[in-house]
Amino acid sequence: MENIILVINIILAFVLVVIILLQKSEGGALGLGASQDTFVSSRSAGNFLTKATAIIATLFIITSISLTIFSKEDFSNSSVLEKIEEKVDPSEPVIPKSE
């Protein structure tokens, strides 16, 4: 189940990037924005891409959260340091314990 959601998550990420790159830039930060004539004619395409972006982004977030929930079960509550046992190398000299 986790692998299926992971594949869906990767596909959604790829589709989300493609849809974002297809959208027309409406910012005018560098003065390269669209003129008013082309802005009115591309309004319906912009609405479709905006809605598609919102839907795919929502699905991507849902799959990401579900992957986090599934992976939470794999974590243990114990520390790695608790699992390490001290290994004594017989070639090293033994330090006597003080009493």
PDB file of N, CA and C in Angstrom:
ATOM      1  N   MET A   1       0.825  -1.195   0.000  1.00  0.00           N
ATOM      2  CA  MET A   1       0.000   0.000   0.000  1.00  0.00           C
ATOM      3  C   MET A   1       0.871   1.261   0.000  1.00  0.00           C
ATOM      4  N   GLU A   2       1.942   1.198   0.787  1.00  0.00           N
ATOM      5  CA  GLU A   2       2.832   2.360   0.875  1.00  0.00           C
ATOM      6  C   GLU A   2       3.528   2.632  -0.461  1.00  0.00           C
ATOM      7  N   ASN A   3       3.874   1.572  -1.175  1.00  0.00           N
ATOM      8  CA  ASN A   3       4.539   1.746  -2.474  1.00  0.00           C
ATOM      9  C   ASN A   3       3.604   2.362  -3.509  1.00  0.00           C
ATOM     10  N   ILE A   4       2.342   1.991  -3.466  1.00  0.00           N
ATOM     11  CA  ILE A   4       1.374   2.559  -4.404  1.00  0.00           C
ATOM     12  C   ILE A   4       1.200   4.051  -4.155  1.00  0.00           C
ATOM     13  N   ILE A   5       1.084   4.425  -2.896  1.00  0.00           N
ATOM     14  CA  ILE A   5       0.929   5.847  -2.564  1.00  0.00           C
ATOM     15  C   ILE A   5       2.197   6.616  -2.919  1.00  0.00           C
ATOM     16  N   LEU A   6       3.346   5.987  -2.748  1.00  0.00           N
ATOM     17  CA  LEU A   6       4.606   6.645  -3.115  1.00  0.00           C
ATOM     18  C   LEU A   6       4.682   6.904  -4.617  1.00  0.00           C
ATOM     19  N   VAL A   7       4.265   5.941  -5.415  1.00  0.00           N
ATOM     20  CA  VAL A   7       4.263   6.119  -6.875  1.00  0.00           C
ATOM     21  C   VAL A   7       3.280   7.221  -7.269  1.00  0.00           C
ATOM     22  N   ILE A   8       2.104   7.224  -6.654  1.00  0.00           N
ATOM     23  CA  ILE A   8       1.117   8.276  -6.931  1.00  0.00           C
ATOM     24  C   ILE A   8       1.670   9.636  -6.535  1.00  0.00           C
ATOM     25  N   ASN A   9       2.385   9.700  -5.410  1.00  0.00           N
ATOM     26  CA  ASN A   9       2.978  10.954  -4.946  1.00  0.00           C
ATOM     27  C   ASN A   9       4.018  11.473  -5.936  1.00  0.00           C
ATOM     28  N   ILE A  10       4.832  10.592  -6.469  1.00  0.00           N
ATOM     29  CA  ILE A  10       5.856  11.008  -7.437  1.00  0.00           C
ATOM     30  C   ILE A  10       5.207  11.488  -8.731  1.00  0.00           C
ATOM     31  N   ILE A  11       4.174  10.777  -9.178  1.00  0.00           N
ATOM     32  CA  ILE A  11       3.473  11.193 -10.405  1.00  0.00           C
ATOM     33  C   ILE A  11       2.808  12.547 -10.198  1.00  0.00           C
ATOM     34  N   LEU A  12       2.164  12.743  -9.044  1.00  0.00           N
ATOM     35  CA  LEU A  12       1.528  14.026  -8.761  1.00  0.00           C
ATOM     36  C   LEU A  12       2.551  15.156  -8.708  1.00  0.00           C
ATOM     37  N   ALA A  13       3.720  14.889  -8.157  1.00  0.00           N
ATOM     38  CA  ALA A  13       4.768  15.924  -8.103  1.00  0.00           C
ATOM     39  C   ALA A  13       5.204  16.320  -9.502  1.00  0.00           C
ATOM     40  N   PHE A  14       5.379  15.330 -10.372  1.00  0.00           N
ATOM     41  CA  PHE A  14       5.787  15.622 -11.751  1.00  0.00           C
ATOM     42  C   PHE A  14       4.703  16.409 -12.483  1.00  0.00           C
ATOM     43  N   VAL A  15       3.444  15.990 -12.347  1.00  0.00           N
ATOM     44  CA  VAL A  15       2.340  16.684 -13.008  1.00  0.00           C
ATOM     45  C   VAL A  15       2.187  18.101 -12.457  1.00  0.00           C
ATOM     46  N   LEU A  16       2.390  18.265 -11.164  1.00  0.00           N
ATOM     47  CA  LEU A  16       2.284  19.594 -10.556  1.00  0.00           C
ATOM     48  C   LEU A  16       3.348  20.537 -11.108  1.00  0.00           C
ATOM     49  N   VAL A  17       4.561  20.050 -11.263  1.00  0.00           N
ATOM     50  CA  VAL A  17       5.625  20.883 -11.834  1.00  0.00           C
ATOM     51  C   VAL A  17       5.290  21.273 -13.269  1.00  0.00           C
ATOM     52  N   VAL A  18       4.797  20.317 -14.051  1.00  0.00           N
ATOM     53  CA  VAL A  18       4.465  20.605 -15.453  1.00  0.00           C
ATOM     54  C   VAL A  18       3.334  21.629 -15.550  1.00  0.00           C
ATOM     55  N   ILE A  19       2.302  21.469 -14.725  1.00  0.00           N
ATOM     56  CA  ILE A  19       1.177  22.416 -14.782  1.00  0.00           C
ATOM     57  C   ILE A  19       1.606  23.811 -14.340  1.00  0.00           C
ATOM     58  N   ILE A  20       2.474  23.882 -13.350  1.00  0.00           N
ATOM     59  CA  ILE A  20       2.949  25.206 -12.910  1.00  0.00           C
ATOM     60  C   ILE A  20       3.782  25.868 -14.004  1.00  0.00           C
ATOM     61  N   LEU A  21       4.579  25.069 -14.695  1.00  0.00           N
ATOM     62  CA  LEU A  21       5.389  25.647 -15.771  1.00  0.00           C
ATOM     63  C   LEU A  21       4.549  26.044 -16.986  1.00  0.00           C
ATOM     64  N   LEU A  22       3.393  25.425 -17.170  1.00  0.00           N
ATOM     65  CA  LEU A  22       2.518  25.780 -18.291  1.00  0.00           C
ATOM     66  C   LEU A  22       1.778  27.090 -18.057  1.00  0.00           C
ATOM     67  N   GLN A  23       1.641  27.481 -16.818  1.00  0.00           N
ATOM     68  CA  GLN A  23       0.877  28.692 -16.521  1.00  0.00           C
ATOM     69  C   GLN A  23       1.609  29.930 -17.005  1.00  0.00           C
ATOM     70  N   LYS A  24       0.830  30.893 -17.379  1.00  0.00           N
ATOM     71  CA  LYS A  24       1.385  32.143 -17.877  1.00  0.00           C
ATOM     72  C   LYS A  24       1.763  33.021 -16.701  1.00  0.00           C
ATOM     73  N   SER A  25       2.903  33.638 -16.787  1.00  0.00           N
ATOM     74  CA  SER A  25       3.345  34.524 -15.727  1.00  0.00           C
ATOM     75  C   SER A  25       2.518  35.803 -15.759  1.00  0.00           C
ATOM     76  N   GLU A  26       1.952  36.151 -14.603  1.00  0.00           N
ATOM     77  CA  GLU A  26       1.163  37.379 -14.518  1.00  0.00           C
ATOM     78  C   GLU A  26       1.883  38.448 -13.723  1.00  0.00           C
ATOM     79  N   GLY A  27       3.068  38.126 -13.243  1.00  0.00           N
ATOM     80  CA  GLY A  27       3.809  39.094 -12.464  1.00  0.00           C
ATOM     81  C   GLY A  27       4.460  40.127 -13.350  1.00  0.00           C
ATOM     82  N   GLY A  28       4.608  41.315 -12.838  1.00  0.00           N
ATOM     83  CA  GLY A  28       5.236  42.374 -13.592  1.00  0.00           C
ATOM     84  C   GLY A  28       6.500  42.860 -12.921  1.00  0.00           C
ATOM     85  N   ALA A  29       7.169  41.997 -12.187  1.00  0.00           N
ATOM     86  CA  ALA A  29       8.330  42.415 -11.420  1.00  0.00           C
ATOM     87  C   ALA A  29       9.452  42.902 -12.321  1.00  0.00           C
ATOM     88  N   LEU A  30       9.630  42.264 -13.475  1.00  0.00           N
ATOM     89  CA  LEU A  30      10.686  42.677 -14.385  1.00  0.00           C
ATOM     90  C   LEU A  30      10.143  43.424 -15.598  1.00  0.00           C
ATOM     91  N   GLY A  31       8.857  43.711 -15.577  1.00  0.00           N
ATOM     92  CA  GLY A  31       8.258  44.403 -16.709  1.00  0.00           C
ATOM     93  C   GLY A  31       7.995  43.487 -17.878  1.00  0.00           C
ATOM     94  N   LEU A  32       8.029  42.195 -17.676  1.00  0.00           N
ATOM     95  CA  LEU A  32       7.846  41.248 -18.765  1.00  0.00           C
ATOM     96  C   LEU A  32       6.468  40.596 -18.738  1.00  0.00           C
ATOM     97  N   GLY A  33       5.548  41.125 -17.984  1.00  0.00           N
ATOM     98  CA  GLY A  33       4.216  40.538 -17.868  1.00  0.00           C
ATOM     99  C   GLY A  33       3.423  40.659 -19.156  1.00  0.00           C
ATOM    100  N   ALA A  34       2.282  40.030 -19.198  1.00  0.00           N
ATOM    101  CA  ALA A  34       1.434  40.055 -20.382  1.00  0.00           C
ATOM    102  C   ALA A  34       0.739  41.410 -20.513  1.00  0.00           C
ATOM    103  N   SER A  35       0.446  41.757 -21.751  1.00  0.00           N
ATOM    104  CA  SER A  35      -0.294  43.000 -21.957  1.00  0.00           C
ATOM    105  C   SER A  35      -1.770  42.762 -21.667  1.00  0.00           C
ATOM    106  N   GLN A  36      -2.554  43.830 -21.613  1.00  0.00           N
ATOM    107  CA  GLN A  36      -3.969  43.713 -21.274  1.00  0.00           C
ATOM    108  C   GLN A  36      -4.756  42.990 -22.359  1.00  0.00           C
ATOM    109  N   ASP A  37      -4.335  43.079 -23.614  1.00  0.00           N
ATOM    110  CA  ASP A  37      -5.066  42.421 -24.702  1.00  0.00           C
ATOM    111  C   ASP A  37      -4.986  40.907 -24.582  1.00  0.00           C
ATOM    112  N   THR A  38      -3.811  40.382 -24.336  1.00  0.00           N
ATOM    113  CA  THR A  38      -3.669  38.935 -24.238  1.00  0.00           C
ATOM    114  C   THR A  38      -4.152  38.430 -22.890  1.00  0.00           C
ATOM    115  N   PHE A  39      -4.213  39.291 -21.902  1.00  0.00           N
ATOM    116  CA  PHE A  39      -4.666  38.876 -20.571  1.00  0.00           C
ATOM    117  C   PHE A  39      -6.146  38.496 -20.586  1.00  0.00           C
ATOM    118  N   VAL A  40      -6.960  39.248 -21.308  1.00  0.00           N
ATOM    119  CA  VAL A  40      -8.400  38.981 -21.342  1.00  0.00           C
ATOM    120  C   VAL A  40      -8.683  37.700 -22.110  1.00  0.00           C
ATOM    121  N   SER A  41      -7.971  37.439 -23.198  1.00  0.00           N
ATOM    122  CA  SER A  41      -8.241  36.254 -24.014  1.00  0.00           C
ATOM    123  C   SER A  41      -7.763  34.967 -23.354  1.00  0.00           C
ATOM    124  N   SER A  42      -6.785  35.042 -22.475  1.00  0.00           N
ATOM    125  CA  SER A  42      -6.256  33.823 -21.843  1.00  0.00           C
ATOM    126  C   SER A  42      -6.858  33.590 -20.464  1.00  0.00           C
ATOM    127  N   ARG A  43      -7.948  34.259 -20.172  1.00  0.00           N
ATOM    128  CA  ARG A  43      -8.549  34.169 -18.843  1.00  0.00           C
ATOM    129  C   ARG A  43      -9.111  32.781 -18.553  1.00  0.00           C
ATOM    130  N   SER A  44      -9.795  32.153 -19.515  1.00  0.00           N
ATOM    131  CA  SER A  44     -10.407  30.847 -19.266  1.00  0.00           C
ATOM    132  C   SER A  44      -9.347  29.763 -19.122  1.00  0.00           C
ATOM    133  N   ALA A  45      -8.282  29.830 -19.894  1.00  0.00           N
ATOM    134  CA  ALA A  45      -7.202  28.853 -19.757  1.00  0.00           C
ATOM    135  C   ALA A  45      -6.507  29.012 -18.410  1.00  0.00           C
ATOM    136  N   GLY A  46      -6.383  30.231 -17.962  1.00  0.00           N
ATOM    137  CA  GLY A  46      -5.781  30.481 -16.662  1.00  0.00           C
ATOM    138  C   GLY A  46      -6.617  29.928 -15.529  1.00  0.00           C
ATOM    139  N   ASN A  47      -7.931  30.058 -15.645  1.00  0.00           N
ATOM    140  CA  ASN A  47      -8.803  29.519 -14.609  1.00  0.00           C
ATOM    141  C   ASN A  47      -8.701  28.002 -14.533  1.00  0.00           C
ATOM    142  N   PHE A  48      -8.655  27.325 -15.682  1.00  0.00           N
ATOM    143  CA  PHE A  48      -8.537  25.872 -15.697  1.00  0.00           C
ATOM    144  C   PHE A  48      -7.216  25.431 -15.070  1.00  0.00           C
ATOM    145  N   LEU A  49      -6.129  26.082 -15.466  1.00  0.00           N
ATOM    146  CA  LEU A  49      -4.821  25.701 -14.922  1.00  0.00           C
ATOM    147  C   LEU A  49      -4.729  26.023 -13.435  1.00  0.00           C
ATOM    148  N   THR A  50      -5.362  27.100 -13.005  1.00  0.00           N
ATOM    149  CA  THR A  50      -5.352  27.449 -11.584  1.00  0.00           C
ATOM    150  C   THR A  50      -6.107  26.413 -10.762  1.00  0.00           C
ATOM    151  N   LYS A  51      -7.276  26.000 -11.259  1.00  0.00           N
ATOM    152  CA  LYS A  51      -8.056  24.981 -10.554  1.00  0.00           C
ATOM    153  C   LYS A  51      -7.352  23.637 -10.567  1.00  0.00           C
ATOM    154  N   ALA A  52      -6.747  23.284 -11.700  1.00  0.00           N
ATOM    155  CA  ALA A  52      -6.014  22.020 -11.786  1.00  0.00           C
ATOM    156  C   ALA A  52      -4.817  22.022 -10.844  1.00  0.00           C
ATOM    157  N   THR A  53      -4.136  23.155 -10.744  1.00  0.00           N
ATOM    158  CA  THR A  53      -3.008  23.269  -9.826  1.00  0.00           C
ATOM    159  C   THR A  53      -3.456  23.094  -8.382  1.00  0.00           C
ATOM    160  N   ALA A  54      -4.566  23.701  -8.025  1.00  0.00           N
ATOM    161  CA  ALA A  54      -5.075  23.587  -6.657  1.00  0.00           C
ATOM    162  C   ALA A  54      -5.477  22.156  -6.335  1.00  0.00           C
ATOM    163  N   ILE A  55      -6.128  21.477  -7.267  1.00  0.00           N
ATOM    164  CA  ILE A  55      -6.561  20.097  -7.039  1.00  0.00           C
ATOM    165  C   ILE A  55      -5.371  19.165  -6.921  1.00  0.00           C
ATOM    166  N   ILE A  56      -4.420  19.292  -7.821  1.00  0.00           N
ATOM    167  CA  ILE A  56      -3.254  18.399  -7.794  1.00  0.00           C
ATOM    168  C   ILE A  56      -2.379  18.688  -6.581  1.00  0.00           C
ATOM    169  N   ALA A  57      -2.258  19.947  -6.201  1.00  0.00           N
ATOM    170  CA  ALA A  57      -1.482  20.291  -4.999  1.00  0.00           C
ATOM    171  C   ALA A  57      -2.138  19.707  -3.750  1.00  0.00           C
ATOM    172  N   THR A  58      -3.468  19.745  -3.696  1.00  0.00           N
ATOM    173  CA  THR A  58      -4.181  19.159  -2.559  1.00  0.00           C
ATOM    174  C   THR A  58      -3.969  17.647  -2.502  1.00  0.00           C
ATOM    175  N   LEU A  59      -4.061  16.981  -3.652  1.00  0.00           N
ATOM    176  CA  LEU A  59      -3.819  15.540  -3.689  1.00  0.00           C
ATOM    177  C   LEU A  59      -2.376  15.201  -3.306  1.00  0.00           C
ATOM    178  N   PHE A  60      -1.435  16.045  -3.736  1.00  0.00           N
ATOM    179  CA  PHE A  60      -0.031  15.823  -3.388  1.00  0.00           C
ATOM    180  C   PHE A  60       0.180  15.937  -1.877  1.00  0.00           C
ATOM    181  N   ILE A  61      -0.448  16.918  -1.266  1.00  0.00           N
ATOM    182  CA  ILE A  61      -0.316  17.093   0.186  1.00  0.00           C
ATOM    183  C   ILE A  61      -0.956  15.931   0.928  1.00  0.00           C
ATOM    184  N   ILE A  62      -2.109  15.459   0.449  1.00  0.00           N
ATOM    185  CA  ILE A  62      -2.775  14.325   1.092  1.00  0.00           C
ATOM    186  C   ILE A  62      -1.919  13.070   1.007  1.00  0.00           C
ATOM    187  N   THR A  63      -1.334  12.806  -0.166  1.00  0.00           N
ATOM    188  CA  THR A  63      -0.480  11.620  -0.288  1.00  0.00           C
ATOM    189  C   THR A  63       0.782  11.762   0.547  1.00  0.00           C
ATOM    190  N   SER A  64       1.324  12.963   0.653  1.00  0.00           N
ATOM    191  CA  SER A  64       2.520  13.169   1.471  1.00  0.00           C
ATOM    192  C   SER A  64       2.229  12.926   2.950  1.00  0.00           C
ATOM    193  N   ILE A  65       1.088  13.423   3.412  1.00  0.00           N
ATOM    194  CA  ILE A  65       0.718  13.215   4.813  1.00  0.00           C
ATOM    195  C   ILE A  65       0.441  11.742   5.080  1.00  0.00           C
ATOM    196  N   SER A  66      -0.211  11.062   4.143  1.00  0.00           N
ATOM    197  CA  SER A  66      -0.480   9.633   4.347  1.00  0.00           C
ATOM    198  C   SER A  66       0.808   8.816   4.346  1.00  0.00           C
ATOM    199  N   LEU A  67       1.783   9.198   3.533  1.00  0.00           N
ATOM    200  CA  LEU A  67       3.082   8.516   3.572  1.00  0.00           C
ATOM    201  C   LEU A  67       3.773   8.727   4.914  1.00  0.00           C
ATOM    202  N   THR A  68       3.631   9.913   5.478  1.00  0.00           N
ATOM    203  CA  THR A  68       4.205  10.186   6.793  1.00  0.00           C
ATOM    204  C   THR A  68       3.537   9.338   7.862  1.00  0.00           C
ATOM    205  N   ILE A  69       2.230   9.189   7.775  1.00  0.00           N
ATOM    206  CA  ILE A  69       1.506   8.379   8.755  1.00  0.00           C
ATOM    207  C   ILE A  69       1.907   6.911   8.637  1.00  0.00           C
ATOM    208  N   PHE A  70       2.039   6.403   7.406  1.00  0.00           N
ATOM    209  CA  PHE A  70       2.439   5.010   7.215  1.00  0.00           C
ATOM    210  C   PHE A  70       3.862   4.756   7.708  1.00  0.00           C
ATOM    211  N   SER A  71       4.762   5.716   7.494  1.00  0.00           N
ATOM    212  CA  SER A  71       6.152   5.512   7.905  1.00  0.00           C
ATOM    213  C   SER A  71       6.329   5.675   9.410  1.00  0.00           C
ATOM    214  N   LYS A  72       5.384   6.311  10.072  1.00  0.00           N
ATOM    215  CA  LYS A  72       5.464   6.496  11.519  1.00  0.00           C
ATOM    216  C   LYS A  72       5.429   5.153  12.250  1.00  0.00           C
ATOM    217  N   GLU A  73       4.755   4.165  11.675  1.00  0.00           N
ATOM    218  CA  GLU A  73       4.656   2.853  12.300  1.00  0.00           C
ATOM    219  C   GLU A  73       5.997   2.117  12.298  1.00  0.00           C
ATOM    220  N   ASP A  74       6.892   2.479  11.392  1.00  0.00           N
ATOM    221  CA  ASP A  74       8.189   1.806  11.284  1.00  0.00           C
ATOM    222  C   ASP A  74       9.199   2.296  12.312  1.00  0.00           C
ATOM    223  N   PHE A  75       8.950   3.437  12.932  1.00  0.00           N
ATOM    224  CA  PHE A  75       9.894   3.990  13.889  1.00  0.00           C
ATOM    225  C   PHE A  75       9.768   3.281  15.233  1.00  0.00           C
ATOM    226  N   SER A  76      10.904   3.131  15.901  1.00  0.00           N
ATOM    227  CA  SER A  76      10.869   2.537  17.236  1.00  0.00           C
ATOM    228  C   SER A  76      11.058   3.644  18.276  1.00  0.00           C
ATOM    229  N   ASN A  77      10.662   3.353  19.488  1.00  0.00           N
ATOM    230  CA  ASN A  77      10.762   4.348  20.551  1.00  0.00           C
ATOM    231  C   ASN A  77      12.091   4.293  21.287  1.00  0.00           C
ATOM    232  N   SER A  78      12.895   3.284  21.013  1.00  0.00           N
ATOM    233  CA  SER A  78      14.167   3.159  21.710  1.00  0.00           C
ATOM    234  C   SER A  78      15.263   3.917  20.965  1.00  0.00           C
ATOM    235  N   SER A  79      16.276   4.288  21.692  1.00  0.00           N
ATOM    236  CA  SER A  79      17.385   5.033  21.132  1.00  0.00           C
ATOM    237  C   SER A  79      18.417   4.081  20.539  1.00  0.00           C
ATOM    238  N   VAL A  80      19.170   4.574  19.590  1.00  0.00           N
ATOM    239  CA  VAL A  80      20.229   3.770  18.991  1.00  0.00           C
ATOM    240  C   VAL A  80      21.312   3.497  20.029  1.00  0.00           C
ATOM    241  N   LEU A  81      21.559   4.464  20.902  1.00  0.00           N
ATOM    242  CA  LEU A  81      22.596   4.297  21.910  1.00  0.00           C
ATOM    243  C   LEU A  81      22.250   3.206  22.911  1.00  0.00           C
ATOM    244  N   GLU A  82      20.962   2.960  23.118  1.00  0.00           N
ATOM    245  CA  GLU A  82      20.560   1.892  24.024  1.00  0.00           C
ATOM    246  C   GLU A  82      20.840   0.514  23.433  1.00  0.00           C
ATOM    247  N   LYS A  83      20.905   0.433  22.131  1.00  0.00           N
ATOM    248  CA  LYS A  83      21.099  -0.849  21.462  1.00  0.00           C
ATOM    249  C   LYS A  83      22.578  -1.223  21.328  1.00  0.00           C
ATOM    250  N   ILE A  84      23.462  -0.249  21.485  1.00  0.00           N
ATOM    251  CA  ILE A  84      24.890  -0.508  21.305  1.00  0.00           C
ATOM    252  C   ILE A  84      25.440  -1.191  22.546  1.00  0.00           C
ATOM    253  N   GLU A  85      26.110  -2.284  22.341  1.00  0.00           N
ATOM    254  CA  GLU A  85      26.766  -2.981  23.440  1.00  0.00           C
ATOM    255  C   GLU A  85      28.253  -2.666  23.381  1.00  0.00           C
ATOM    256  N   GLU A  86      28.837  -2.541  24.544  1.00  0.00           N
ATOM    257  CA  GLU A  86      30.268  -2.272  24.566  1.00  0.00           C
ATOM    258  C   GLU A  86      31.016  -3.539  24.190  1.00  0.00           C
ATOM    259  N   LYS A  87      31.859  -3.409  23.192  1.00  0.00           N
ATOM    260  CA  LYS A  87      32.650  -4.548  22.753  1.00  0.00           C
ATOM    261  C   LYS A  87      34.066  -4.377  23.297  1.00  0.00           C
ATOM    262  N   VAL A  88      34.538  -5.393  23.954  1.00  0.00           N
ATOM    263  CA  VAL A  88      35.877  -5.349  24.531  1.00  0.00           C
ATOM    264  C   VAL A  88      36.816  -6.071  23.583  1.00  0.00           C
ATOM    265  N   ASP A  89      37.847  -5.353  23.165  1.00  0.00           N
ATOM    266  CA  ASP A  89      38.857  -5.941  22.284  1.00  0.00           C
ATOM    267  C   ASP A  89      39.925  -6.598  23.160  1.00  0.00           C
ATOM    268  N   PRO A  90      40.175  -7.899  23.001  1.00  0.00           N
ATOM    269  CA  PRO A  90      41.138  -8.577  23.876  1.00  0.00           C
ATOM    270  C   PRO A  90      42.576  -8.098  23.683  1.00  0.00           C
ATOM    271  N   SER A  91      42.871  -7.449  22.586  1.00  0.00           N
ATOM    272  CA  SER A  91      44.248  -6.978  22.370  1.00  0.00           C
ATOM    273  C   SER A  91      44.542  -5.681  23.117  1.00  0.00           C
ATOM    274  N   GLU A  92      43.528  -4.970  23.556  1.00  0.00           N
ATOM    275  CA  GLU A  92      43.744  -3.741  24.293  1.00  0.00           C
ATOM    276  C   GLU A  92      43.966  -4.062  25.772  1.00  0.00           C
ATOM    277  N   PRO A  93      44.815  -3.286  26.403  1.00  0.00           N
ATOM    278  CA  PRO A  93      45.030  -3.523  27.842  1.00  0.00           C
ATOM    279  C   PRO A  93      43.800  -3.142  28.648  1.00  0.00           C
ATOM    280  N   VAL A  94      43.545  -3.891  29.700  1.00  0.00           N
ATOM    281  CA  VAL A  94      42.380  -3.644  30.541  1.00  0.00           C
ATOM    282  C   VAL A  94      42.770  -2.656  31.631  1.00  0.00           C
ATOM    283  N   ILE A  95      41.938  -1.647  31.791  1.00  0.00           N
ATOM    284  CA  ILE A  95      42.178  -0.652  32.841  1.00  0.00           C
ATOM    285  C   ILE A  95      41.546  -1.162  34.116  1.00  0.00           C
ATOM    286  N   PRO A  96      42.335  -1.275  35.159  1.00  0.00           N
ATOM    287  CA  PRO A  96      41.758  -1.776  36.422  1.00  0.00           C
ATOM    288  C   PRO A  96      40.806  -0.755  37.022  1.00  0.00           C
ATOM    289  N   LYS A  97      39.756  -1.278  37.629  1.00  0.00           N
ATOM    290  CA  LYS A  97      38.755  -0.396  38.236  1.00  0.00           C
ATOM    291  C   LYS A  97      39.200  -0.028  39.650  1.00  0.00           C
ATOM    292  N   SER A  98      39.037   1.219  39.990  1.00  0.00           N
ATOM    293  CA  SER A  98      39.409   1.647  41.345  1.00  0.00           C
ATOM    294  C   SER A  98      38.249   1.358  42.280  1.00  0.00           C
ATOM    295  N   GLU A  99      38.614   1.032  43.538  1.00  0.00           N
ATOM    296  CA  GLU A  99      37.574   0.686  44.491  1.00  0.00           C
ATOM    297  C   GLU A  99      37.346   1.780  45.477  1.00  0.00           C
TER     298      GLU A  99
END
